[in-house]
Amino acid sequence: MAIPAAAAAAYRAAAQIATPPANNAIVPANVEGGSFSDFLSGAIKDSINTMHKGEHAASLQVQGKANLVDVVQSVNAAELTLDTVVAIRDKVVTAYQSIMNMPI
């Protein structure tokens, strides 16, 4: 009967898909290599860089020197980055307001 063998093979394949590879291991927070401020400043620099790429791609399109697909991808990435930054800002403001409303 081939059904149990096929089921076992399917189970093994599903287990391999669900198991992350060893090279993508999650790094603990207390490992040397940077602080939260380093991470935050790097994320801000990446956000600014993405926004600049979107603006540059749009200006190249206006000049007729850029591919439309590349421009759309760059502008979409910039828009997603802006939405993410605004959402993070809103969460930080909400957390600050929550802390300020705590009784002493």
C-alpha atoms as a PDB file:
ATOM      1  CA  MET A   1       0.000   0.000   0.000  1.00  0.00           C
ATOM      2  CA  ALA A   2       1.499   3.356  -1.095  1.00  0.00           C
ATOM      3  CA  ILE A   3      -0.732   5.679   0.913  1.00  0.00           C
ATOM      4  CA  PRO A   4       1.147   5.421   4.259  1.00  0.00           C
ATOM      5  CA  ALA A   5       4.477   5.946   2.491  1.00  0.00           C
ATOM      6  CA  ALA A   6       3.121   8.999   0.652  1.00  0.00           C
ATOM      7  CA  ALA A   7       1.684  10.362   3.873  1.00  0.00           C
ATOM      8  CA  ALA A   8       5.012   9.883   5.652  1.00  0.00           C
ATOM      9  CA  ALA A   9       6.851  11.631   2.806  1.00  0.00           C
ATOM     10  CA  ALA A  10       4.388  14.511   2.897  1.00  0.00           C
ATOM     11  CA  TYR A  11       4.782  14.802   6.669  1.00  0.00           C
ATOM     12  CA  ARG A  12       8.595  14.896   6.354  1.00  0.00           C
ATOM     13  CA  ALA A  13       8.382  17.565   3.644  1.00  0.00           C
ATOM     14  CA  ALA A  14       6.043  19.681   5.755  1.00  0.00           C
ATOM     15  CA  ALA A  15       8.315  19.317   8.778  1.00  0.00           C
ATOM     16  CA  GLN A  16      11.322  20.467   6.739  1.00  0.00           C
ATOM     17  CA  ILE A  17       9.408  23.500   5.484  1.00  0.00           C
ATOM     18  CA  ALA A  18       8.349  24.461   9.002  1.00  0.00           C
ATOM     19  CA  THR A  19      11.872  24.102  10.407  1.00  0.00           C
ATOM     20  CA  PRO A  20      13.942  27.248   9.766  1.00  0.00           C
ATOM     21  CA  PRO A  21      17.472  26.715   8.472  1.00  0.00           C
ATOM     22  CA  ALA A  22      20.294  26.974  10.988  1.00  0.00           C
ATOM     23  CA  ASN A  23      21.910  29.992   9.272  1.00  0.00           C
ATOM     24  CA  ASN A  24      18.793  32.111   9.915  1.00  0.00           C
ATOM     25  CA  ALA A  25      18.984  31.582  13.657  1.00  0.00           C
ATOM     26  CA  ILE A  26      17.621  34.304  15.892  1.00  0.00           C
ATOM     27  CA  VAL A  27      20.373  36.180  17.707  1.00  0.00           C
ATOM     28  CA  PRO A  28      19.773  36.817  21.420  1.00  0.00           C
ATOM     29  CA  ALA A  29      19.525  40.436  22.526  1.00  0.00           C
ATOM     30  CA  ASN A  30      22.510  40.282  24.890  1.00  0.00           C
ATOM     31  CA  VAL A  31      25.015  39.367  22.161  1.00  0.00           C
ATOM     32  CA  GLU A  32      27.798  41.875  21.518  1.00  0.00           C
ATOM     33  CA  GLY A  33      27.531  43.817  18.314  1.00  0.00           C
ATOM     34  CA  GLY A  34      25.403  46.845  18.904  1.00  0.00           C
ATOM     35  CA  SER A  35      22.944  48.599  21.083  1.00  0.00           C
ATOM     36  CA  PHE A  36      19.347  49.590  20.543  1.00  0.00           C
ATOM     37  CA  SER A  37      20.431  53.106  19.618  1.00  0.00           C
ATOM     38  CA  ASP A  38      22.745  51.689  16.929  1.00  0.00           C
ATOM     39  CA  PHE A  39      19.870  49.635  15.565  1.00  0.00           C
ATOM     40  CA  LEU A  40      17.525  52.607  15.631  1.00  0.00           C
ATOM     41  CA  SER A  41      19.961  54.970  13.929  1.00  0.00           C
ATOM     42  CA  GLY A  42      20.661  52.340  11.258  1.00  0.00           C
ATOM     43  CA  ALA A  43      16.939  51.883  10.635  1.00  0.00           C
ATOM     44  CA  ILE A  44      16.462  55.633  10.337  1.00  0.00           C
ATOM     45  CA  LYS A  45      19.353  55.915   7.882  1.00  0.00           C
ATOM     46  CA  ASP A  46      17.885  53.056   5.811  1.00  0.00           C
ATOM     47  CA  SER A  47      14.507  54.794   5.803  1.00  0.00           C
ATOM     48  CA  ILE A  48      16.018  58.065   4.652  1.00  0.00           C
ATOM     49  CA  ASN A  49      18.012  56.256   1.964  1.00  0.00           C
ATOM     50  CA  THR A  50      14.864  54.531   0.680  1.00  0.00           C
ATOM     51  CA  MET A  51      13.039  57.850   0.523  1.00  0.00           C
ATOM     52  CA  HIS A  52      15.926  59.422  -1.415  1.00  0.00           C
ATOM     53  CA  LYS A  53      15.944  56.512  -3.884  1.00  0.00           C
ATOM     54  CA  GLY A  54      12.227  57.015  -4.522  1.00  0.00           C
ATOM     55  CA  GLU A  55      12.678  60.738  -5.083  1.00  0.00           C
ATOM     56  CA  HIS A  56      15.673  60.157  -7.366  1.00  0.00           C
ATOM     57  CA  ALA A  57      13.804  57.549  -9.418  1.00  0.00           C
ATOM     58  CA  ALA A  58      10.844  59.919  -9.816  1.00  0.00           C
ATOM     59  CA  SER A  59      13.103  62.739 -10.976  1.00  0.00           C
ATOM     60  CA  LEU A  60      14.791  60.425 -13.482  1.00  0.00           C
ATOM     61  CA  GLN A  61      11.379  59.429 -14.823  1.00  0.00           C
ATOM     62  CA  VAL A  62      10.445  63.083 -15.294  1.00  0.00           C
ATOM     63  CA  GLN A  63      13.630  63.500 -17.343  1.00  0.00           C
ATOM     64  CA  GLY A  64      12.752  60.371 -19.340  1.00  0.00           C
ATOM     65  CA  LYS A  65      15.838  58.460 -18.194  1.00  0.00           C
ATOM     66  CA  ALA A  66      14.276  55.761 -16.014  1.00  0.00           C
ATOM     67  CA  ASN A  67      12.282  52.593 -16.519  1.00  0.00           C
ATOM     68  CA  LEU A  68       8.689  52.959 -15.360  1.00  0.00           C
ATOM     69  CA  VAL A  69       8.727  49.639 -13.484  1.00  0.00           C
ATOM     70  CA  ASP A  70      11.808  50.665 -11.490  1.00  0.00           C
ATOM     71  CA  VAL A  71      10.225  54.010 -10.675  1.00  0.00           C
ATOM     72  CA  VAL A  72       7.016  52.394  -9.446  1.00  0.00           C
ATOM     73  CA  GLN A  73       8.968  49.943  -7.287  1.00  0.00           C
ATOM     74  CA  SER A  74      11.096  52.706  -5.785  1.00  0.00           C
ATOM     75  CA  VAL A  75       8.131  54.956  -5.095  1.00  0.00           C
ATOM     76  CA  ASN A  76       6.168  52.061  -3.552  1.00  0.00           C
ATOM     77  CA  ALA A  77       9.132  51.200  -1.312  1.00  0.00           C
ATOM     78  CA  ALA A  78       9.368  54.846  -0.252  1.00  0.00           C
ATOM     79  CA  GLU A  79       5.633  54.962   0.466  1.00  0.00           C
ATOM     80  CA  LEU A  80       5.801  51.778   2.535  1.00  0.00           C
ATOM     81  CA  THR A  81       8.777  53.163   4.441  1.00  0.00           C
ATOM     82  CA  LEU A  82       6.942  56.403   5.157  1.00  0.00           C
ATOM     83  CA  ASP A  83       3.862  54.504   6.370  1.00  0.00           C
ATOM     84  CA  THR A  84       6.066  52.394   8.657  1.00  0.00           C
ATOM     85  CA  VAL A  85       7.850  55.432  10.083  1.00  0.00           C
ATOM     86  CA  VAL A  86       4.533  57.187  10.744  1.00  0.00           C
ATOM     87  CA  ALA A  87       3.122  54.076  12.453  1.00  0.00           C
ATOM     88  CA  ILE A  88       6.202  53.784  14.674  1.00  0.00           C
ATOM     89  CA  ARG A  89       6.010  57.475  15.508  1.00  0.00           C
ATOM     90  CA  ASP A  90       2.358  57.088  16.485  1.00  0.00           C
ATOM     91  CA  LYS A  91       3.197  54.133  18.760  1.00  0.00           C
ATOM     92  CA  VAL A  92       6.012  56.089  20.419  1.00  0.00           C
ATOM     93  CA  VAL A  93       3.733  59.081  21.022  1.00  0.00           C
ATOM     94  CA  THR A  94       1.033  56.797  22.439  1.00  0.00           C
ATOM     95  CA  ALA A  95       3.564  55.125  24.744  1.00  0.00           C
ATOM     96  CA  TYR A  96       4.841  58.518  25.904  1.00  0.00           C
ATOM     97  CA  GLN A  97       1.329  59.723  26.628  1.00  0.00           C
ATOM     98  CA  SER A  98       0.599  56.516  28.519  1.00  0.00           C
ATOM     99  CA  ILE A  99       3.706  56.970  30.650  1.00  0.00           C
ATOM    100  CA  MET A 100       2.867  60.613  31.325  1.00  0.00           C
ATOM    101  CA  ASN A 101      -0.637  59.634  32.512  1.00  0.00           C
ATOM    102  CA  MET A 102       0.695  57.148  35.052  1.00  0.00           C
ATOM    103  CA  PRO A 103       0.323  58.189  38.672  1.00  0.00           C
ATOM    104  CA  ILE A 104       3.529  58.798  40.580  1.00  0.00           C
END
